[in-house]
Each structure stands twice: as structure tokens, then as C-alpha cells.
Amino acid sequence: MKASQRTIHLRLAEPLRISRSTMAARDAVWLSVEHDGLSGHGEAVTSVYYGLDAAALRRLLTAVGTDLVRHRDPESALEALRAGELAGAGTPPAVTAALDSALLDLVGKRAGTPVHRLLGTPVPPVAATARTIGITSPIRAAAEARRLTARGFEVLKVKAGTPDPEDDVERVRVIRDAAPGVRLLLDPNGAWTVAQAMALLPRFAELGVEAVEQPLAPGHPDALGALAERSPVPIIADEDAVDLEDVRRLAGRVQGVNVKLAKCGGVHAALRIAEAIEGSGTALMLGCLTASSLGLAPAVHLADRARWADLDGHLLLAHDPWSGIGGADGFVRVNTLPGLGVQPREVSRADVA
């Protein structure tokens, strides 16, 4: 086996503002693993929050690519990855997830079967994905809600956490008025205090918000669990639910955990988390970072396991350099192609980082 990589600049169609930052673009590093004339692909994206820039991703992916030569084929490499013998404890989860993706894609292609079948799901998963509306003016938020629901979106995720919480309440109110039948999720990205959350959650419950992600600053999971016990709206842990141990501490205490493959370490790590929360009263949400269809595809192959799917990262891009998982009509889906089922599109010179 041999590995190669390529760095691409991903530009958003418009800047996305959340409580802690505004993002207009990020870089993606693609890992390709080749064996016997077939290639599998994975993607890792830069993240200020997780402390990963393009140079670090390239260095780390080079290291795991070099380690691949010890394995005779992608199947044995995938088993070693599951056992923790490849991409060891010091490897960031985003890098492990990219390697997991590339190996799954290649193993599926060698077997002539889609990844979801390798994972035990015979029927191709299809899921209604949430579509994110960032922190913006009420007029723009209402217009976006009308536009998205007209295209078929049944779930909208509204970013919150402005300095004046009344701005968040007004944004949700006008979205609800513009799209009365839509399911609403709310995400303050940890911007609220406990007192603010206790005051705001009943108001959002009255507006029909279905669940709230990470209302409190991460680092205090006990406080999040205590809030979830009293909240009139289901609470989903995100920044406080990074890995399996985090989730085990929160299982049964919050109503949901947001599992992002780049955060937990890939498909197999996500499956372990899903198994750990089964029967606990805590449901699975599958989330994502802003990334291409290649970066989103592994999670789409798991989408049938989640109560909530928030897999719209590729839909926020000005140009998605991969295709194959849909989503423009509000539903992500896998196709019948072997492996991840995604195909590259032409990339402009301006997007080559």
C-alpha cells in the first residue's frame, strides 16, 4: 500500500457566524490510500477550535501513511486501526477519522460493496439532515428559513449565543413564523451560563424548539447533566462529548450526544459510542464540521442509527469538490457504488491550497 495527500481550500458560500467565531473558509487535506490499482479516500479539515492547521494535518497524515507499509493489505490495516495498533493514542481524532475513511472506502471497493453493508446495514441509509442558519438578522433568518423549507428541508438548526439573548429569541421566533411546520434545533455553542439557560429554555420550548445543543460552556459535564434534568427542552451534549469516556459519563444524564467523526476518531469509534448509549435514554446525533462530501460520506453511511442528523457541512460550501451524498433537497443518502460512493469533481486552481 502507498499513501498520498492533497490540500484543498474550501470556501463557504457565505460566512457562518456562531457564538465564538465567524468562518468563511477552511482547508481540507485529502488522504488517498492505494493498493492493487484501487484507491480509498478520506478527508481531514483544519479547525482553530481543535488546534489543527493544514501543516499539522499534512505532517500527521504523512506519519500514518508511512505506518501503513507495515500492513499487507487494507483489510489488515483496518483491523489494526480498530485495535489501536495504527494511528496510536497521540494521533488527533480528525486524522484517525480520515485514515478510517480511506481504508473503509478502499476495503469496500475491493469487496465491491458499499460501506454501509460492511457495517451491517443492508439498506442504503437516507436521513433528513438539519440545515444550519447562522447568527444573522431576523430578516435574513426568516428569508433563509422560507428558502430552505421550500427546497424540502424538514429540520433547521439555528445558531445562538449572541451577547443579547433577546436577539436569539427573536431569530427563532421569526424562523418559526416563516416555517411553522419545520423541526427546530438550537445551538449556542456553549455560550450561556446556567442562569441564562434556565431563563431561556422555557421560552424556546414555547417556540417549539425540539432540542438544544451544548447550552453551557464545555468542561463542566456535571452542570450540563444537572441542567438536562430540569430543562423543558432535550439537551444534547456536543463539546462536552468528545470521546467514548466523555459519553459514558453523560449517558442517561443528557437526552442526546452529538457524535462527529472528526471529534471521536471515525466510524468505528462512533459505533462504539452508539453501543455505549444504547438503552440509556441518551439518543445519538450525528454531526459534522464544514467539509466536502468526502468528509461527510462516512457519517452518512451511519445515518440510520441516529435520532438527529446534522450532516450539512458540504451544503455550506461555495463549491463542493466531491459528489455522491445528496442533501440539497434536505435528505442525505448513500448510493449503490462500492466504498463510500463519492466521486471527485473538478477543482479550480484557486482552490488548490
Protein backbone atom coordinates (compact mmCIF):
# COMPACT_ATOMS: atom_id res chain seq x y z
CA MET A 1 0.00 0.00 0.00
CA LYS A 2 1.04 3.57 -0.53
CA ALA A 3 -0.47 6.83 0.66
CA SER A 4 -0.61 10.31 -0.84
CA GLN A 5 -2.30 13.55 0.10
CA ARG A 6 -3.60 16.78 -1.39
CA THR A 7 -4.58 20.07 0.25
CA ILE A 8 -7.66 21.96 -0.97
CA HIS A 9 -9.16 25.30 0.05
CA LEU A 10 -12.88 25.06 0.88
CA ARG A 11 -14.74 28.36 0.63
CA LEU A 12 -18.16 28.80 2.21
CA ALA A 13 -20.98 30.21 0.10
CA GLU A 14 -21.28 32.88 2.81
CA PRO A 15 -19.57 33.37 6.19
CA LEU A 16 -21.05 31.33 9.03
CA ARG A 17 -21.26 33.12 12.37
CA ILE A 18 -21.58 31.20 15.61
CA SER A 19 -21.22 32.39 19.21
CA ARG A 20 -17.43 32.07 19.35
CA SER A 21 -16.31 32.86 15.78
CA THR A 22 -17.14 33.57 12.14
CA MET A 23 -15.80 31.26 9.43
CA ALA A 24 -15.55 31.98 5.71
CA ALA A 25 -13.22 29.16 4.60
CA ARG A 26 -11.06 26.29 5.79
CA ASP A 27 -8.51 23.92 4.27
CA ALA A 28 -9.07 20.22 3.71
CA VAL A 29 -6.31 17.63 3.41
CA TRP A 30 -7.26 14.52 1.44
CA LEU A 31 -5.61 11.21 2.25
CA SER A 32 -5.56 8.61 -0.54
CA VAL A 33 -4.52 5.01 0.08
CA GLU A 34 -3.72 2.89 -2.98
CA HIS A 35 -3.43 -0.90 -3.23
CA ASP A 36 -3.59 -3.19 -6.27
CA GLY A 37 -4.85 -0.45 -8.57
CA LEU A 38 -7.67 0.80 -6.34
CA SER A 39 -7.71 3.91 -4.12
CA GLY A 40 -9.64 4.84 -1.00
CA HIS A 41 -10.03 8.39 0.21
CA GLY A 42 -10.52 10.30 3.45
CA GLU A 43 -10.59 13.94 4.46
CA ALA A 44 -9.43 15.96 7.46
CA VAL A 45 -10.27 19.66 7.74
CA THR A 46 -8.48 22.41 9.60
CA SER A 47 -10.01 23.63 12.84
CA VAL A 48 -8.99 26.52 15.09
CA TYR A 49 -11.12 25.04 17.89
CA TYR A 50 -9.27 21.70 17.74
CA GLY A 51 -5.90 23.34 17.10
CA LEU A 52 -5.26 21.78 13.68
CA ASP A 53 -3.90 23.76 10.75
CA ALA A 54 -3.06 22.43 7.30
CA ALA A 55 0.64 21.98 8.06
CA ALA A 56 -0.12 19.88 11.14
CA LEU A 57 -2.63 17.76 9.25
CA ARG A 58 -0.16 17.12 6.43
CA ARG A 59 2.56 16.10 8.90
CA LEU A 60 0.25 13.79 10.85
CA LEU A 61 -1.26 12.20 7.75
CA THR A 62 2.22 11.61 6.37
CA ALA A 63 3.11 9.78 9.57
CA VAL A 64 0.07 7.47 9.46
CA GLY A 65 0.63 6.94 5.73
CA THR A 66 4.17 5.83 6.39
CA ASP A 67 2.92 3.42 9.05
CA LEU A 68 0.62 1.76 6.52
CA VAL A 69 3.53 -0.01 4.78
CA ARG A 70 3.74 -2.42 7.73
CA HIS A 71 0.40 -3.92 6.71
CA ARG A 72 -0.04 -6.32 3.82
CA ASP A 73 -3.44 -5.04 2.68
CA PRO A 74 -6.16 -2.51 3.63
CA GLU A 75 -8.23 -5.14 5.43
CA SER A 76 -5.43 -5.91 7.89
CA ALA A 77 -4.68 -2.20 8.26
CA LEU A 78 -8.33 -1.54 9.11
CA GLU A 79 -8.25 -4.26 11.77
CA ALA A 80 -5.06 -2.75 13.20
CA LEU A 81 -6.74 0.67 13.31
CA ARG A 82 -9.70 -0.75 15.21
CA ALA A 83 -7.33 -2.42 17.67
CA GLY A 84 -5.40 0.79 18.28
CA GLU A 85 -2.25 -0.55 16.64
CA LEU A 86 -2.33 2.02 13.81
CA ALA A 87 -2.64 5.78 14.44
CA GLY A 88 -1.89 5.43 18.15
CA ALA A 89 -3.02 7.33 21.22
CA GLY A 90 -1.26 10.58 20.30
CA THR A 91 -2.95 10.88 16.91
CA PRO A 92 -5.71 13.54 16.79
CA PRO A 93 -9.17 12.06 16.19
CA ALA A 94 -9.58 14.01 12.93
CA VAL A 95 -6.52 12.26 11.48
CA THR A 96 -7.67 8.85 12.69
CA ALA A 97 -11.09 9.51 11.15
CA ALA A 98 -9.54 10.39 7.78
CA LEU A 99 -7.49 7.18 7.79
CA ASP A 100 -10.53 5.15 8.86
CA SER A 101 -12.48 6.69 5.96
CA ALA A 102 -9.78 5.96 3.38
CA LEU A 103 -9.41 2.35 4.49
CA LEU A 104 -13.18 1.73 4.62
CA ASP A 105 -13.53 3.25 1.15
CA LEU A 106 -10.76 1.02 -0.20
CA VAL A 107 -11.97 -2.14 1.54
CA GLY A 108 -15.48 -1.53 0.19
CA LYS A 109 -14.19 -1.05 -3.33
CA ARG A 110 -12.12 -4.24 -3.11
CA ALA A 111 -15.18 -6.14 -1.91
CA GLY A 112 -17.44 -4.48 -4.48
CA THR A 113 -19.83 -3.33 -1.76
CA PRO A 114 -20.90 -0.02 -0.18
CA VAL A 115 -19.50 0.84 3.25
CA HIS A 116 -22.91 0.63 4.93
CA ARG A 117 -23.02 -3.09 4.07
CA LEU A 118 -19.59 -3.57 5.61
CA LEU A 119 -21.07 -2.03 8.77
CA GLY A 120 -24.05 -4.38 8.84
CA THR A 121 -26.74 -2.17 7.29
CA PRO A 122 -28.18 -3.82 4.16
CA VAL A 123 -30.44 -0.91 3.12
CA PRO A 124 -28.76 2.32 1.94
CA PRO A 125 -29.29 4.91 4.71
CA VAL A 126 -31.34 8.03 4.00
CA ALA A 127 -31.82 10.76 6.60
CA ALA A 128 -33.41 14.18 6.88
CA THR A 129 -30.50 16.45 7.67
CA ALA A 130 -30.66 19.65 9.65
CA ARG A 131 -29.59 22.76 7.74
CA THR A 132 -27.75 25.40 9.73
CA ILE A 133 -28.80 29.05 9.91
CA GLY A 134 -26.01 31.09 11.45
CA ILE A 135 -26.27 34.14 13.67
CA THR A 136 -27.76 36.76 11.37
CA SER A 137 -30.50 39.38 11.24
CA PRO A 138 -34.12 38.33 11.74
CA ILE A 139 -34.99 39.39 8.19
CA ARG A 140 -32.26 37.24 6.67
CA ALA A 141 -33.02 34.33 9.01
CA ALA A 142 -36.69 34.32 8.03
CA ALA A 143 -35.86 34.51 4.33
CA GLU A 144 -33.40 31.63 4.67
CA ALA A 145 -35.96 29.54 6.53
CA ARG A 146 -38.53 30.06 3.78
CA ARG A 147 -35.98 29.26 1.07
CA LEU A 148 -34.77 26.07 2.76
CA THR A 149 -38.19 24.67 3.59
CA ALA A 150 -39.32 25.35 0.02
CA ARG A 151 -36.43 23.15 -1.12
CA GLY A 152 -37.55 20.31 1.14
CA PHE A 153 -35.69 20.76 4.42
CA GLU A 154 -37.67 19.48 7.38
CA VAL A 155 -35.11 20.31 10.09
CA LEU A 156 -33.35 23.63 10.69
CA LYS A 157 -30.57 24.22 13.20
CA VAL A 158 -30.36 27.79 14.45
CA LYS A 159 -27.12 29.13 15.88
CA ALA A 160 -27.45 31.16 19.08
CA GLY A 161 -25.27 32.78 21.73
CA THR A 162 -25.32 36.49 20.88
CA PRO A 163 -24.39 39.00 23.62
CA ASP A 164 -28.08 39.89 23.95
CA PRO A 165 -30.12 36.66 24.29
CA GLU A 166 -33.21 38.53 23.12
CA ASP A 167 -31.62 38.54 19.66
CA ASP A 168 -31.61 34.73 19.72
CA VAL A 169 -35.23 34.58 20.85
CA GLU A 170 -36.29 36.93 18.06
CA ARG A 171 -34.34 34.96 15.44
CA VAL A 172 -36.03 31.72 16.46
CA ARG A 173 -39.43 33.41 16.60
CA VAL A 174 -39.23 34.76 13.04
CA ILE A 175 -37.93 31.41 11.76
CA ARG A 176 -40.84 29.66 13.42
CA ASP A 177 -43.27 32.15 11.86
CA ALA A 178 -41.65 31.72 8.43
CA ALA A 179 -41.56 27.91 8.64
CA PRO A 180 -44.30 26.81 11.07
CA GLY A 181 -44.02 23.10 10.28
CA VAL A 182 -40.25 22.73 10.46
CA ARG A 183 -38.41 20.90 13.24
CA LEU A 184 -36.07 23.31 15.06
CA LEU A 185 -32.78 22.63 16.79
CA LEU A 186 -30.83 25.33 18.64
CA ASP A 187 -27.07 25.54 19.17
CA PRO A 188 -25.50 28.22 21.40
CA ASN A 189 -22.07 26.50 21.21
CA GLY A 190 -21.62 26.79 24.98
CA ALA A 191 -22.40 30.50 25.20
CA TRP A 192 -24.89 30.52 28.11
CA THR A 193 -24.49 30.49 31.86
CA VAL A 194 -26.65 28.17 33.93
CA ALA A 195 -28.86 31.11 34.95
CA GLN A 196 -29.29 32.21 31.33
CA ALA A 197 -30.12 28.68 30.25
CA MET A 198 -32.75 28.27 32.94
CA ALA A 199 -34.37 31.54 31.89
CA LEU A 200 -34.18 30.92 28.14
CA LEU A 201 -35.02 27.23 27.75
CA PRO A 202 -38.73 27.59 28.66
CA ARG A 203 -39.06 30.38 26.12
CA PHE A 204 -37.53 28.26 23.38
CA ALA A 205 -39.75 25.37 24.42
CA GLU A 206 -42.77 27.61 23.79
CA LEU A 207 -41.41 28.31 20.30
CA GLY A 208 -41.30 24.60 19.58
CA VAL A 209 -37.55 24.05 19.69
CA GLU A 210 -37.02 20.29 19.64
CA ALA A 211 -33.60 20.15 21.33
CA VAL A 212 -30.71 22.42 22.36
CA GLU A 213 -27.06 21.54 21.80
CA GLN A 214 -24.40 22.37 24.38
CA PRO A 215 -26.03 25.40 26.04
CA LEU A 216 -23.24 25.65 28.67
CA ALA A 217 -19.52 26.19 28.24
CA PRO A 218 -17.71 22.84 27.92
CA GLY A 219 -15.66 21.49 30.78
CA HIS A 220 -18.48 21.13 33.28
CA PRO A 221 -20.38 17.97 32.28
CA ASP A 222 -21.97 17.61 35.72
CA ALA A 223 -23.55 21.05 35.33
CA LEU A 224 -24.78 20.08 31.87
CA GLY A 225 -26.29 16.88 33.25
CA ALA A 226 -27.98 18.76 36.07
CA LEU A 227 -29.41 21.27 33.59
CA ALA A 228 -30.74 18.48 31.41
CA GLU A 229 -32.66 17.07 34.38
CA ARG A 230 -34.55 20.36 34.78
CA SER A 231 -34.81 21.51 31.18
CA PRO A 232 -38.19 21.58 29.39
CA VAL A 233 -36.24 21.01 26.15
CA PRO A 234 -33.99 17.97 25.48
CA ILE A 235 -30.30 18.77 25.90
CA ILE A 236 -27.68 17.39 23.51
CA ALA A 237 -24.03 17.38 24.61
CA ASP A 238 -21.53 18.35 21.91
CA GLU A 239 -18.29 19.97 23.05
CA ASP A 240 -18.60 18.04 26.34
CA ALA A 241 -18.98 14.73 24.47
CA VAL A 242 -15.72 14.30 22.61
CA ASP A 243 -14.84 10.64 23.06
CA LEU A 244 -16.18 7.38 24.47
CA GLU A 245 -15.24 8.17 28.07
CA ASP A 246 -16.99 11.55 27.89
CA VAL A 247 -20.12 9.90 26.54
CA ARG A 248 -20.09 7.21 29.21
CA ARG A 249 -20.07 9.90 31.89
CA LEU A 250 -23.06 11.63 30.29
CA ALA A 251 -25.11 8.59 29.22
CA GLY A 252 -28.51 8.70 30.87
CA ARG A 253 -27.93 12.26 32.12
CA VAL A 254 -28.49 14.19 28.88
CA GLN A 255 -31.03 13.45 26.19
CA GLY A 256 -28.53 13.29 23.34
CA VAL A 257 -24.87 13.32 22.36
CA ASN A 258 -23.58 14.87 19.14
CA VAL A 259 -21.06 12.47 17.61
CA LYS A 260 -18.78 13.96 14.96
CA LEU A 261 -16.36 11.54 13.34
CA ALA A 262 -13.58 14.16 13.31
CA LYS A 263 -14.13 14.61 17.04
CA CYS A 264 -14.34 10.98 18.17
CA GLY A 265 -11.93 9.29 15.72
CA GLY A 266 -14.00 7.86 12.89
CA VAL A 267 -16.71 5.36 12.05
CA HIS A 268 -15.62 2.61 14.40
CA ALA A 269 -15.27 5.00 17.33
CA ALA A 270 -18.77 6.29 16.58
CA LEU A 271 -20.15 2.75 16.57
CA ARG A 272 -18.61 2.12 19.99
CA ILE A 273 -20.28 5.28 21.28
CA ALA A 274 -23.64 4.23 19.81
CA GLU A 275 -23.32 0.88 21.57
CA ALA A 276 -22.39 2.54 24.86
CA ILE A 277 -25.51 4.73 24.98
CA GLU A 278 -27.96 2.09 23.80
CA GLY A 279 -30.78 1.74 26.30
CA SER A 280 -29.50 4.62 28.47
CA GLY A 281 -32.12 7.16 27.44
CA THR A 282 -29.49 9.20 25.62
CA ALA A 283 -30.01 9.33 21.85
CA LEU A 284 -27.42 9.67 19.09
CA MET A 285 -26.98 12.77 16.98
CA LEU A 286 -24.60 12.61 14.03
CA GLY A 287 -22.94 15.96 13.40
CA CYS A 288 -20.12 17.27 11.26
CA LEU A 289 -17.66 20.03 10.61
CA THR A 290 -17.89 22.11 7.46
CA ALA A 291 -16.29 19.78 4.94
CA SER A 292 -16.76 18.29 1.48
CA SER A 293 -18.99 15.35 0.57
CA LEU A 294 -15.91 13.16 1.03
CA GLY A 295 -15.62 14.29 4.64
CA LEU A 296 -19.35 13.80 5.27
CA ALA A 297 -19.77 10.46 3.49
CA PRO A 298 -18.65 8.10 6.30
CA ALA A 299 -21.21 9.60 8.68
CA VAL A 300 -23.96 9.30 6.06
CA HIS A 301 -23.31 5.54 5.99
CA LEU A 302 -24.23 5.58 9.72
CA ALA A 303 -27.21 7.89 9.42
CA ASP A 304 -29.84 5.20 10.07
CA ARG A 305 -28.51 4.85 13.62
CA ALA A 306 -29.15 8.47 14.65
CA ARG A 307 -32.20 10.23 16.07
CA TRP A 308 -30.89 13.54 14.70
CA ALA A 309 -28.72 14.01 11.62
CA ASP A 310 -26.86 17.28 11.23
CA LEU A 311 -24.88 16.45 8.10
CA ASP A 312 -24.99 19.65 6.08
CA GLY A 313 -21.32 20.71 6.11
CA HIS A 314 -20.94 20.15 2.38
CA LEU A 315 -24.06 22.18 1.68
CA LEU A 316 -22.45 25.30 3.16
CA LEU A 317 -19.67 25.35 0.56
CA ALA A 318 -19.46 27.60 -2.47
CA HIS A 319 -18.15 24.59 -4.41
CA ASP A 320 -18.18 21.01 -3.16
CA PRO A 321 -15.22 19.18 -4.77
CA TRP A 322 -16.93 15.80 -4.29
CA SER A 323 -20.42 14.48 -5.02
CA GLY A 324 -22.44 11.44 -4.04
CA ILE A 325 -24.37 12.01 -0.79
CA GLY A 326 -27.09 14.42 -1.88
CA GLY A 327 -28.58 16.78 0.68
CA ALA A 328 -29.74 19.69 -1.47
CA ASP A 329 -33.35 18.53 -1.03
CA GLY A 330 -32.97 18.14 2.75
CA PHE A 331 -32.07 14.45 2.69
CA VAL A 332 -28.59 12.92 2.71
CA ARG A 333 -28.30 9.46 1.23
CA VAL A 334 -25.74 6.91 0.08
CA ASN A 335 -25.77 5.30 -3.33
CA THR A 336 -25.04 1.78 -4.54
CA LEU A 337 -21.42 2.39 -5.58
CA PRO A 338 -18.74 0.37 -3.76
CA GLY A 339 -16.91 2.05 -0.91
CA LEU A 340 -18.06 5.47 0.28
CA GLY A 341 -19.80 6.10 -3.05
CA VAL A 342 -18.42 9.60 -3.62
CA GLN A 343 -16.83 10.91 -6.79
CA PRO A 344 -14.41 13.83 -7.28
CA ARG A 345 -15.39 16.93 -9.19
CA GLU A 346 -13.05 19.28 -10.97
CA VAL A 347 -11.24 21.65 -8.60
CA SER A 348 -10.29 25.15 -9.71
CA ARG A 349 -6.72 26.36 -9.38
CA ALA A 350 -7.88 28.94 -6.86
CA ASP A 351 -9.00 26.16 -4.52
CA VAL A 352 -5.71 24.24 -4.56
CA ALA A 353 -4.03 25.23 -1.29
